[in-house]
Amino acid sequence: MIHSKASEEEEFSVRSLLLDIDFRYSQFYTEDEFCHYNMFNHHFFGGEAAHETCRKFLHEENGERVIMVTDPPFGGLVEALASSFKKLMAMWKETEKEGHDNKEMPMFWIFPYFFESRILDFFPSFSMMDYQVDYDNHALYKHGKTGRRQSPVRIFTNLTPSMIVLPEEEGYRFCTVCQRYVSSGNQHCEICNSCTSKDGRRWKHCVLCKKCVKPSWFHCNNCNCCTLQKHSCEKTDVGCFVCGKTGHKRSACPSLSRSRAKRLKTQKRVKTGICKRLAMKHAIFSKRKVKNKKKKS
């Protein structure tokens, strides 16, 4: 959307470079505006020329600033995406070694909020904004009667949260304690000293868990944690799928190990038998060949 807006409107003075795996964009954008790119393995299909185009775009000059906005598939592996994003950040850092020593390239990563812990594992400097990202062409992630009530998609960024202003007319307010914009239903918890809600609703604090939880959750003494009120807290020991005994999994089953060893032994015998038969045929053929030579001589 940002790329199309930048290319269509002259007043929108923002240059953009689109990196996408869909090669059909090359029909609409020039080589300086689009690179055929796979974000899961950091591969430029255009080779060194496309790589150089990206490197030149990341080079900041004449007071320009670069920010990366990425909206990857939600089913993508976070580890693979993070690896590619770090390589793009490294490319940006190489363009200006003097000013980028202790900085990261500004970034907006649009992803569901339940991946927060995984993203923070790879980018500890990131924080999650409360802004709910909606999609007009998505059946689930949009407001309205046909979509979900609340979109789970958020924006993760390494920018200072107080710098990002969210629209008050859409139900966001500024928390003076957290120094960031939050959803109107996200109330500040004095015990956690943070606006703890992830889904826009007001969460409640559990003294036993020592954290805020969803309003529909209750503390279960058997499970020793907060969970849904109607849940099964009986710990059932699932037996091994091979022998049915408890205490081990299928991969460590002794019966499987014995049967596997027996199968390998059988395969070895079969292979040995084949080799012997081939050797015998070769020996018989060689003898016949020698006899024929003797007859000729």
C-alpha atoms as a PDB file:
ATOM      1  CA  MET A   1       0.000   0.000   0.000  1.00  0.00           C
ATOM      2  CA  ILE A   2       2.824   2.416   0.903  1.00  0.00           C
ATOM      3  CA  HIS A   3       4.665   1.503  -2.287  1.00  0.00           C
ATOM      4  CA  SER A   4       1.614   2.091  -4.506  1.00  0.00           C
ATOM      5  CA  LYS A   5       0.771   5.368  -2.740  1.00  0.00           C
ATOM      6  CA  ALA A   6       4.343   6.618  -3.147  1.00  0.00           C
ATOM      7  CA  SER A   7       4.359   5.814  -6.855  1.00  0.00           C
ATOM      8  CA  GLU A   8       0.912   7.259  -7.630  1.00  0.00           C
ATOM      9  CA  GLU A   9       0.824  10.530  -5.661  1.00  0.00           C
ATOM     10  CA  GLU A  10       3.382  13.248  -6.303  1.00  0.00           C
ATOM     11  CA  GLU A  11       2.627  15.012  -2.995  1.00  0.00           C
ATOM     12  CA  PHE A  12       3.530  11.835  -1.103  1.00  0.00           C
ATOM     13  CA  SER A  13       7.277  12.524  -1.145  1.00  0.00           C
ATOM     14  CA  VAL A  14       8.486   9.081  -0.139  1.00  0.00           C
ATOM     15  CA  ARG A  15      10.663   6.828  -2.265  1.00  0.00           C
ATOM     16  CA  SER A  16      10.112   3.110  -1.861  1.00  0.00           C
ATOM     17  CA  LEU A  17      11.609  -0.185  -2.978  1.00  0.00           C
ATOM     18  CA  LEU A  18       9.345  -3.236  -3.055  1.00  0.00           C
ATOM     19  CA  LEU A  19      10.884  -6.630  -2.220  1.00  0.00           C
ATOM     20  CA  ASP A  20       8.443  -9.419  -3.053  1.00  0.00           C
ATOM     21  CA  ILE A  21       8.449 -13.020  -4.263  1.00  0.00           C
ATOM     22  CA  ASP A  22       5.633 -12.323  -6.759  1.00  0.00           C
ATOM     23  CA  PHE A  23       7.507 -11.653 -10.016  1.00  0.00           C
ATOM     24  CA  ARG A  24       4.374 -10.157 -11.616  1.00  0.00           C
ATOM     25  CA  TYR A  25       5.155  -6.838  -9.910  1.00  0.00           C
ATOM     26  CA  SER A  26       7.961  -6.438 -12.453  1.00  0.00           C
ATOM     27  CA  GLN A  27       5.270  -5.650 -15.037  1.00  0.00           C
ATOM     28  CA  PHE A  28       4.231  -2.529 -13.117  1.00  0.00           C
ATOM     29  CA  TYR A  29       7.456  -1.276 -11.515  1.00  0.00           C
ATOM     30  CA  THR A  30      10.935  -0.567 -12.822  1.00  0.00           C
ATOM     31  CA  GLU A  31      14.126  -2.297 -11.682  1.00  0.00           C
ATOM     32  CA  ASP A  32      14.786   0.605  -9.293  1.00  0.00           C
ATOM     33  CA  GLU A  33      11.361   0.162  -7.674  1.00  0.00           C
ATOM     34  CA  PHE A  34      11.029  -3.620  -7.406  1.00  0.00           C
ATOM     35  CA  CYS A  35      13.303  -6.576  -6.630  1.00  0.00           C
ATOM     36  CA  HIS A  36      12.199 -10.188  -7.000  1.00  0.00           C
ATOM     37  CA  TYR A  37      13.074 -11.410  -3.493  1.00  0.00           C
ATOM     38  CA  ASN A  38      12.484 -14.354  -1.153  1.00  0.00           C
ATOM     39  CA  MET A  39      12.343 -13.140   2.445  1.00  0.00           C
ATOM     40  CA  PHE A  40      12.637 -16.643   3.911  1.00  0.00           C
ATOM     41  CA  ASN A  41      16.196 -17.241   2.670  1.00  0.00           C
ATOM     42  CA  HIS A  42      17.314 -13.698   1.731  1.00  0.00           C
ATOM     43  CA  HIS A  43      17.605 -14.552  -1.951  1.00  0.00           C
ATOM     44  CA  PHE A  44      17.582 -11.968  -4.744  1.00  0.00           C
ATOM     45  CA  PHE A  45      16.413 -13.670  -7.933  1.00  0.00           C
ATOM     46  CA  GLY A  46      17.958 -10.859  -9.975  1.00  0.00           C
ATOM     47  CA  GLY A  47      21.429 -11.762  -8.755  1.00  0.00           C
ATOM     48  CA  GLU A  48      24.119  -9.221  -7.949  1.00  0.00           C
ATOM     49  CA  ALA A  49      22.346  -6.452  -9.896  1.00  0.00           C
ATOM     50  CA  ALA A  50      19.226  -6.671  -7.691  1.00  0.00           C
ATOM     51  CA  HIS A  51      21.386  -6.917  -4.573  1.00  0.00           C
ATOM     52  CA  GLU A  52      23.191  -3.729  -5.586  1.00  0.00           C
ATOM     53  CA  THR A  53      19.850  -1.971  -6.235  1.00  0.00           C
ATOM     54  CA  CYS A  54      18.766  -2.768  -2.682  1.00  0.00           C
ATOM     55  CA  ARG A  55      22.107  -1.681  -1.243  1.00  0.00           C
ATOM     56  CA  LYS A  56      21.955   1.674  -3.051  1.00  0.00           C
ATOM     57  CA  PHE A  57      18.411   2.271  -1.824  1.00  0.00           C
ATOM     58  CA  LEU A  58      19.450   1.615   1.783  1.00  0.00           C
ATOM     59  CA  HIS A  59      22.177   4.246   1.494  1.00  0.00           C
ATOM     60  CA  GLU A  60      20.921   7.391   3.255  1.00  0.00           C
ATOM     61  CA  GLU A  61      21.900  10.725   1.745  1.00  0.00           C
ATOM     62  CA  ASN A  62      20.645  14.322   1.635  1.00  0.00           C
ATOM     63  CA  GLY A  63      18.937  13.928   5.000  1.00  0.00           C
ATOM     64  CA  GLU A  64      16.863  10.926   3.912  1.00  0.00           C
ATOM     65  CA  ARG A  65      15.943   8.221   6.420  1.00  0.00           C
ATOM     66  CA  VAL A  66      15.153   4.575   5.683  1.00  0.00           C
ATOM     67  CA  ILE A  67      12.531   2.410   7.388  1.00  0.00           C
ATOM     68  CA  MET A  68      11.635  -1.187   6.540  1.00  0.00           C
ATOM     69  CA  VAL A  69       7.945  -2.164   6.601  1.00  0.00           C
ATOM     70  CA  THR A  70       7.315  -5.897   6.309  1.00  0.00           C
ATOM     71  CA  ASP A  71       4.045  -7.838   6.259  1.00  0.00           C
ATOM     72  CA  PRO A  72       5.095 -11.499   5.841  1.00  0.00           C
ATOM     73  CA  PRO A  73       2.768 -14.532   5.725  1.00  0.00           C
ATOM     74  CA  PHE A  74       1.584 -15.392   9.231  1.00  0.00           C
ATOM     75  CA  GLY A  75       2.426 -19.056   8.702  1.00  0.00           C
ATOM     76  CA  GLY A  76       6.077 -18.245   8.048  1.00  0.00           C
ATOM     77  CA  LEU A  77       8.780 -19.428  10.424  1.00  0.00           C
ATOM     78  CA  VAL A  78       9.840 -16.519  12.652  1.00  0.00           C
ATOM     79  CA  GLU A  79      13.434 -17.755  12.792  1.00  0.00           C
ATOM     80  CA  ALA A  80      13.791 -17.715   8.986  1.00  0.00           C
ATOM     81  CA  LEU A  81      12.208 -14.270   8.691  1.00  0.00           C
ATOM     82  CA  ALA A  82      14.365 -12.838  11.474  1.00  0.00           C
ATOM     83  CA  SER A  83      17.499 -14.170   9.790  1.00  0.00           C
ATOM     84  CA  SER A  84      16.660 -12.390   6.520  1.00  0.00           C
ATOM     85  CA  PHE A  85      15.692  -9.164   8.288  1.00  0.00           C
ATOM     86  CA  LYS A  86      18.992  -9.133  10.167  1.00  0.00           C
ATOM     87  CA  LYS A  87      20.859  -9.487   6.874  1.00  0.00           C
ATOM     88  CA  LEU A  88      18.955  -6.515   5.437  1.00  0.00           C
ATOM     89  CA  MET A  89      19.817  -4.559   8.582  1.00  0.00           C
ATOM     90  CA  ALA A  90      23.464  -5.501   8.106  1.00  0.00           C
ATOM     91  CA  MET A  91      23.313  -4.202   4.516  1.00  0.00           C
ATOM     92  CA  TRP A  92      21.930  -0.906   5.828  1.00  0.00           C
ATOM     93  CA  LYS A  93      24.660  -0.677   8.460  1.00  0.00           C
ATOM     94  CA  GLU A  94      27.382  -1.262   5.849  1.00  0.00           C
ATOM     95  CA  THR A  95      26.262   1.767   3.823  1.00  0.00           C
ATOM     96  CA  GLU A  96      27.130   4.225   6.626  1.00  0.00           C
ATOM     97  CA  LYS A  97      29.647   2.655   8.982  1.00  0.00           C
ATOM     98  CA  GLU A  98      30.344   5.823  10.976  1.00  0.00           C
ATOM     99  CA  GLY A  99      26.799   6.712  11.998  1.00  0.00           C
ATOM    100  CA  HIS A 100      25.264   3.241  12.320  1.00  0.00           C
ATOM    101  CA  ASP A 101      27.676   1.537  14.716  1.00  0.00           C
ATOM    102  CA  ASN A 102      25.247   1.190  17.617  1.00  0.00           C
ATOM    103  CA  LYS A 103      21.964   1.590  15.743  1.00  0.00           C
ATOM    104  CA  GLU A 104      19.414  -0.646  14.054  1.00  0.00           C
ATOM    105  CA  MET A 105      17.585   0.133  10.862  1.00  0.00           C
ATOM    106  CA  PRO A 106      14.078   1.339  11.832  1.00  0.00           C
ATOM    107  CA  MET A 107      11.542  -1.371  11.163  1.00  0.00           C
ATOM    108  CA  PHE A 108       7.807  -2.129  11.284  1.00  0.00           C
ATOM    109  CA  TRP A 109       7.083  -5.865  11.430  1.00  0.00           C
ATOM    110  CA  ILE A 110       3.353  -6.605  11.014  1.00  0.00           C
ATOM    111  CA  PHE A 111       2.518  -9.934  12.663  1.00  0.00           C
ATOM    112  CA  PRO A 112      -0.010 -11.522  15.114  1.00  0.00           C
ATOM    113  CA  TYR A 113       0.477 -10.611  18.773  1.00  0.00           C
ATOM    114  CA  PHE A 114       0.793 -14.245  19.899  1.00  0.00           C
ATOM    115  CA  PHE A 115       4.215 -14.359  18.193  1.00  0.00           C
ATOM    116  CA  GLU A 116       5.501 -11.609  20.494  1.00  0.00           C
ATOM    117  CA  SER A 117       7.783 -13.840  22.577  1.00  0.00           C
ATOM    118  CA  ARG A 118       9.334 -15.406  19.459  1.00  0.00           C
ATOM    119  CA  ILE A 119      10.009 -12.030  17.848  1.00  0.00           C
ATOM    120  CA  LEU A 120      11.521 -10.615  21.050  1.00  0.00           C
ATOM    121  CA  ASP A 121      13.843 -13.627  21.229  1.00  0.00           C
ATOM    122  CA  PHE A 122      15.483 -12.476  17.989  1.00  0.00           C
ATOM    123  CA  PHE A 123      14.956  -8.719  18.394  1.00  0.00           C
ATOM    124  CA  PRO A 124      15.059  -7.770  22.109  1.00  0.00           C
ATOM    125  CA  SER A 125      14.922  -4.062  21.236  1.00  0.00           C
ATOM    126  CA  PHE A 126      11.473  -4.449  19.644  1.00  0.00           C
ATOM    127  CA  SER A 127       8.177  -3.594  21.309  1.00  0.00           C
ATOM    128  CA  MET A 128       4.609  -4.354  20.297  1.00  0.00           C
ATOM    129  CA  MET A 129       2.201  -1.533  19.550  1.00  0.00           C
ATOM    130  CA  ASP A 130      -1.474  -1.733  20.472  1.00  0.00           C
ATOM    131  CA  TYR A 131      -2.619  -0.740  16.996  1.00  0.00           C
ATOM    132  CA  GLN A 132      -4.885  -3.407  15.488  1.00  0.00           C
ATOM    133  CA  VAL A 133      -4.075  -3.947  11.818  1.00  0.00           C
ATOM    134  CA  ASP A 134      -7.109  -4.755   9.677  1.00  0.00           C
ATOM    135  CA  TYR A 135      -7.251  -6.129   6.135  1.00  0.00           C
ATOM    136  CA  ASP A 136     -10.094  -5.152   3.806  1.00  0.00           C
ATOM    137  CA  ASN A 137      -9.596  -8.256   1.656  1.00  0.00           C
ATOM    138  CA  HIS A 138      -9.203 -10.760   4.515  1.00  0.00           C
ATOM    139  CA  ALA A 139     -12.195 -12.741   5.797  1.00  0.00           C
ATOM    140  CA  LEU A 140     -10.944 -12.981   9.391  1.00  0.00           C
ATOM    141  CA  TYR A 141      -8.694  -9.995  10.043  1.00  0.00           C
ATOM    142  CA  LYS A 142     -11.086  -7.143   9.381  1.00  0.00           C
ATOM    143  CA  HIS A 143     -13.721  -5.225  11.315  1.00  0.00           C
ATOM    144  CA  GLY A 144     -17.351  -5.846  10.528  1.00  0.00           C
ATOM    145  CA  LYS A 145     -19.973  -8.561  10.717  1.00  0.00           C
ATOM    146  CA  THR A 146     -18.037 -11.008   8.545  1.00  0.00           C
ATOM    147  CA  GLY A 147     -14.704 -10.706  10.346  1.00  0.00           C
ATOM    148  CA  ARG A 148     -13.450 -11.202  13.875  1.00  0.00           C
ATOM    149  CA  ARG A 149     -14.365  -8.728  16.560  1.00  0.00           C
ATOM    150  CA  GLN A 150     -10.726  -7.933  17.267  1.00  0.00           C
ATOM    151  CA  SER A 151      -7.853  -8.333  14.843  1.00  0.00           C
ATOM    152  CA  PRO A 152      -4.861 -10.184  16.377  1.00  0.00           C
ATOM    153  CA  VAL A 153      -2.414  -8.466  14.009  1.00  0.00           C
ATOM    154  CA  ARG A 154      -0.069  -5.902  15.550  1.00  0.00           C
ATOM    155  CA  ILE A 155       2.992  -3.840  14.630  1.00  0.00           C
ATOM    156  CA  PHE A 156       6.359  -4.700  16.173  1.00  0.00           C
ATOM    157  CA  THR A 157       8.968  -1.965  15.981  1.00  0.00           C
ATOM    158  CA  ASN A 158      12.354  -0.901  17.304  1.00  0.00           C
ATOM    159  CA  LEU A 159      11.344   2.772  17.315  1.00  0.00           C
ATOM    160  CA  THR A 160      10.631   4.548  20.596  1.00  0.00           C
ATOM    161  CA  PRO A 161       6.929   3.884  21.406  1.00  0.00           C
ATOM    162  CA  SER A 162       6.280   7.517  22.388  1.00  0.00           C
ATOM    163  CA  MET A 163       7.222   8.599  18.851  1.00  0.00           C
ATOM    164  CA  ILE A 164       4.336   6.657  17.282  1.00  0.00           C
ATOM    165  CA  VAL A 165       1.016   8.489  17.540  1.00  0.00           C
ATOM    166  CA  LEU A 166      -2.109   6.341  17.206  1.00  0.00           C
ATOM    167  CA  PRO A 167      -5.475   7.888  16.167  1.00  0.00           C
ATOM    168  CA  GLU A 168      -7.657   8.815  19.128  1.00  0.00           C
ATOM    169  CA  GLU A 169     -10.786   8.683  16.944  1.00  0.00           C
ATOM    170  CA  GLU A 170     -10.180   4.931  16.539  1.00  0.00           C
ATOM    171  CA  GLY A 171     -10.119   4.345  20.290  1.00  0.00           C
ATOM    172  CA  TYR A 172      -6.486   4.863  21.299  1.00  0.00           C
ATOM    173  CA  ARG A 173      -5.180   6.978  24.164  1.00  0.00           C
ATOM    174  CA  PHE A 174      -1.787   8.012  25.500  1.00  0.00           C
ATOM    175  CA  CYS A 175      -0.633   6.399  28.761  1.00  0.00           C
ATOM    176  CA  THR A 176       1.530   8.902  30.634  1.00  0.00           C
ATOM    177  CA  VAL A 177       3.102   6.175  32.790  1.00  0.00           C
ATOM    178  CA  CYS A 178       4.053   3.816  29.936  1.00  0.00           C
ATOM    179  CA  GLN A 179       4.760   6.757  27.611  1.00  0.00           C
ATOM    180  CA  ARG A 180       3.022   5.153  24.661  1.00  0.00           C
ATOM    181  CA  TYR A 181      -0.347   4.992  22.926  1.00  0.00           C
ATOM    182  CA  VAL A 182      -2.550   2.082  23.963  1.00  0.00           C
ATOM    183  CA  SER A 183      -6.051   0.814  23.274  1.00  0.00           C
ATOM    184  CA  SER A 184      -8.827   2.463  25.289  1.00  0.00           C
ATOM    185  CA  GLY A 185      -9.629  -0.879  26.949  1.00  0.00           C
ATOM    186  CA  ASN A 186      -6.008  -1.492  27.909  1.00  0.00           C
ATOM    187  CA  GLN A 187      -5.943  -0.201  31.483  1.00  0.00           C
ATOM    188  CA  HIS A 188      -2.683   0.410  33.343  1.00  0.00           C
ATOM    189  CA  CYS A 189      -1.908  -2.184  36.026  1.00  0.00           C
ATOM    190  CA  GLU A 190      -0.308  -0.632  39.109  1.00  0.00           C
ATOM    191  CA  ILE A 191       1.166  -3.964  40.232  1.00  0.00           C
ATOM    192  CA  CYS A 192       2.749  -4.858  36.867  1.00  0.00           C
ATOM    193  CA  ASN A 193       3.458  -1.156  36.236  1.00  0.00           C
ATOM    194  CA  SER A 194       2.432  -1.593  32.609  1.00  0.00           C
ATOM    195  CA  CYS A 195      -0.533  -1.620  30.234  1.00  0.00           C
ATOM    196  CA  THR A 196      -0.623  -5.388  29.943  1.00  0.00           C
ATOM    197  CA  SER A 197      -3.497  -6.185  27.566  1.00  0.00           C
ATOM    198  CA  LYS A 198      -2.590  -7.810  24.250  1.00  0.00           C
ATOM    199  CA  ASP A 199      -6.015  -8.117  22.607  1.00  0.00           C
ATOM    200  CA  GLY A 200      -7.577  -4.725  23.387  1.00  0.00           C
ATOM    201  CA  ARG A 201      -9.681  -5.928  26.331  1.00  0.00           C
ATOM    202  CA  ARG A 202      -9.088  -5.018  29.965  1.00  0.00           C
ATOM    203  CA  TRP A 203      -7.035  -7.768  31.591  1.00  0.00           C
ATOM    204  CA  LYS A 204      -7.083  -8.625  35.300  1.00  0.00           C
ATOM    205  CA  HIS A 205      -4.172  -9.204  37.642  1.00  0.00           C
ATOM    206  CA  CYS A 206      -3.666 -12.627  39.232  1.00  0.00           C
ATOM    207  CA  VAL A 207      -1.800 -12.448  42.531  1.00  0.00           C
ATOM    208  CA  LEU A 208      -0.840 -16.132  42.424  1.00  0.00           C
ATOM    209  CA  CYS A 209       0.491 -16.024  38.848  1.00  0.00           C
ATOM    210  CA  LYS A 210       2.022 -12.579  39.514  1.00  0.00           C
ATOM    211  CA  LYS A 211       0.890 -11.261  36.150  1.00  0.00           C
ATOM    212  CA  CYS A 212      -2.177  -9.998  34.291  1.00  0.00           C
ATOM    213  CA  VAL A 213      -4.296 -12.527  32.421  1.00  0.00           C
ATOM    214  CA  LYS A 214      -7.286 -12.495  30.085  1.00  0.00           C
ATOM    215  CA  PRO A 215     -10.644 -11.590  31.698  1.00  0.00           C
ATOM    216  CA  SER A 216     -12.092 -15.011  30.808  1.00  0.00           C
ATOM    217  CA  TRP A 217      -9.327 -16.879  32.642  1.00  0.00           C
ATOM    218  CA  PHE A 218      -9.443 -18.115  36.245  1.00  0.00           C
ATOM    219  CA  HIS A 219      -6.720 -19.501  38.477  1.00  0.00           C
ATOM    220  CA  CYS A 220      -6.742 -23.295  38.731  1.00  0.00           C
ATOM    221  CA  ASN A 221      -5.072 -24.680  41.855  1.00  0.00           C
ATOM    222  CA  ASN A 222      -4.587 -28.094  40.254  1.00  0.00           C
ATOM    223  CA  CYS A 223      -2.804 -26.686  37.199  1.00  0.00           C
ATOM    224  CA  ASN A 224      -1.184 -23.924  39.293  1.00  0.00           C
ATOM    225  CA  CYS A 225      -1.863 -21.344  36.593  1.00  0.00           C
ATOM    226  CA  CYS A 226      -4.656 -19.273  35.079  1.00  0.00           C
ATOM    227  CA  THR A 227      -6.683 -20.868  32.316  1.00  0.00           C
ATOM    228  CA  LEU A 228     -10.247 -21.126  31.011  1.00  0.00           C
ATOM    229  CA  GLN A 229     -12.868 -22.028  33.611  1.00  0.00           C
ATOM    230  CA  LYS A 230     -14.068 -25.048  31.630  1.00  0.00           C
ATOM    231  CA  HIS A 231     -10.940 -27.064  31.045  1.00  0.00           C
ATOM    232  CA  SER A 232      -9.583 -30.517  31.773  1.00  0.00           C
ATOM    233  CA  CYS A 233      -6.841 -30.293  34.369  1.00  0.00           C
ATOM    234  CA  GLU A 234      -6.444 -34.048  34.857  1.00  0.00           C
ATOM    235  CA  LYS A 235      -2.948 -34.988  33.794  1.00  0.00           C
ATOM    236  CA  THR A 236      -3.270 -38.137  31.737  1.00  0.00           C
ATOM    237  CA  ASP A 237      -0.122 -40.126  31.040  1.00  0.00           C
ATOM    238  CA  VAL A 238      -0.167 -40.946  27.371  1.00  0.00           C
ATOM    239  CA  GLY A 239       1.517 -44.251  26.699  1.00  0.00           C
ATOM    240  CA  CYS A 240       3.951 -45.124  23.946  1.00  0.00           C
ATOM    241  CA  PHE A 241       2.306 -45.551  20.545  1.00  0.00           C
ATOM    242  CA  VAL A 242       4.423 -48.654  19.846  1.00  0.00           C
ATOM    243  CA  CYS A 243       4.232 -50.752  23.023  1.00  0.00           C
ATOM    244  CA  GLY A 244       1.546 -48.864  24.977  1.00  0.00           C
ATOM    245  CA  LYS A 245       3.689 -48.493  28.109  1.00  0.00           C
ATOM    246  CA  THR A 246       4.174 -45.196  29.951  1.00  0.00           C
ATOM    247  CA  GLY A 247       7.436 -43.507  30.837  1.00  0.00           C
ATOM    248  CA  HIS A 248       8.847 -43.060  27.353  1.00  0.00           C
ATOM    249  CA  LYS A 249       7.921 -41.802  23.906  1.00  0.00           C
ATOM    250  CA  ARG A 250       7.783 -43.598  20.585  1.00  0.00           C
ATOM    251  CA  SER A 251      11.244 -42.368  19.546  1.00  0.00           C
ATOM    252  CA  ALA A 252      12.832 -43.933  22.658  1.00  0.00           C
ATOM    253  CA  CYS A 253      10.811 -47.154  22.689  1.00  0.00           C
ATOM    254  CA  PRO A 254      12.969 -50.264  23.381  1.00  0.00           C
ATOM    255  CA  SER A 255      10.662 -52.392  21.222  1.00  0.00           C
ATOM    256  CA  LEU A 256      11.144 -50.028  18.308  1.00  0.00           C
ATOM    257  CA  SER A 257      14.902 -50.153  18.788  1.00  0.00           C
ATOM    258  CA  ARG A 258      14.902 -53.968  18.744  1.00  0.00           C
ATOM    259  CA  SER A 259      12.640 -54.169  15.704  1.00  0.00           C
ATOM    260  CA  ARG A 260      14.725 -51.536  13.926  1.00  0.00           C
ATOM    261  CA  ALA A 261      17.951 -53.434  14.665  1.00  0.00           C
ATOM    262  CA  LYS A 262      16.342 -56.667  13.448  1.00  0.00           C
ATOM    263  CA  ARG A 263      15.158 -54.971  10.262  1.00  0.00           C
ATOM    264  CA  LEU A 264      18.617 -53.533   9.579  1.00  0.00           C
ATOM    265  CA  LYS A 265      20.159 -56.963  10.162  1.00  0.00           C
ATOM    266  CA  THR A 266      17.721 -58.528   7.697  1.00  0.00           C
ATOM    267  CA  GLN A 267      18.453 -55.837   5.120  1.00  0.00           C
ATOM    268  CA  LYS A 268      22.179 -56.438   5.574  1.00  0.00           C
ATOM    269  CA  ARG A 269      21.713 -60.179   5.002  1.00  0.00           C
ATOM    270  CA  VAL A 270      19.664 -59.536   1.869  1.00  0.00           C
ATOM    271  CA  LYS A 271      22.284 -57.145   0.514  1.00  0.00           C
ATOM    272  CA  THR A 272      25.057 -59.611   1.344  1.00  0.00           C
ATOM    273  CA  GLY A 273      23.159 -62.400  -0.399  1.00  0.00           C
ATOM    274  CA  ILE A 274      22.692 -60.281  -3.513  1.00  0.00           C
ATOM    275  CA  CYS A 275      26.368 -59.393  -3.557  1.00  0.00           C
ATOM    276  CA  LYS A 276      27.354 -63.040  -3.202  1.00  0.00           C
ATOM    277  CA  ARG A 277      25.021 -64.099  -6.005  1.00  0.00           C
ATOM    278  CA  LEU A 278      26.393 -61.379  -8.250  1.00  0.00           C
ATOM    279  CA  ALA A 279      29.931 -62.479  -7.407  1.00  0.00           C
ATOM    280  CA  MET A 280      29.067 -66.101  -8.223  1.00  0.00           C
ATOM    281  CA  LYS A 281      27.535 -65.117 -11.566  1.00  0.00           C
ATOM    282  CA  HIS A 282      30.598 -63.056 -12.351  1.00  0.00           C
ATOM    283  CA  ALA A 283      32.872 -65.984 -11.437  1.00  0.00           C
ATOM    284  CA  ILE A 284      30.874 -68.429 -13.592  1.00  0.00           C
ATOM    285  CA  PHE A 285      30.898 -65.989 -16.490  1.00  0.00           C
ATOM    286  CA  SER A 286      34.662 -65.516 -16.131  1.00  0.00           C
ATOM    287  CA  LYS A 287      35.276 -69.287 -16.126  1.00  0.00           C
ATOM    288  CA  ARG A 288      33.167 -69.725 -19.252  1.00  0.00           C
ATOM    289  CA  LYS A 289      35.056 -66.930 -20.913  1.00  0.00           C
ATOM    290  CA  VAL A 290      38.396 -68.570 -20.062  1.00  0.00           C
ATOM    291  CA  LYS A 291      37.216 -71.945 -21.420  1.00  0.00           C
ATOM    292  CA  ASN A 292      36.094 -70.342 -24.665  1.00  0.00           C
ATOM    293  CA  LYS A 293      39.497 -68.714 -25.059  1.00  0.00           C
ATOM    294  CA  LYS A 294      41.226 -72.058 -24.538  1.00  0.00           C
ATOM    295  CA  LYS A 295      39.049 -73.689 -27.190  1.00  0.00           C
ATOM    296  CA  LYS A 296      39.904 -70.950 -29.677  1.00  0.00           C
ATOM    297  CA  SER A 297      43.600 -71.278 -28.990  1.00  0.00           C
END
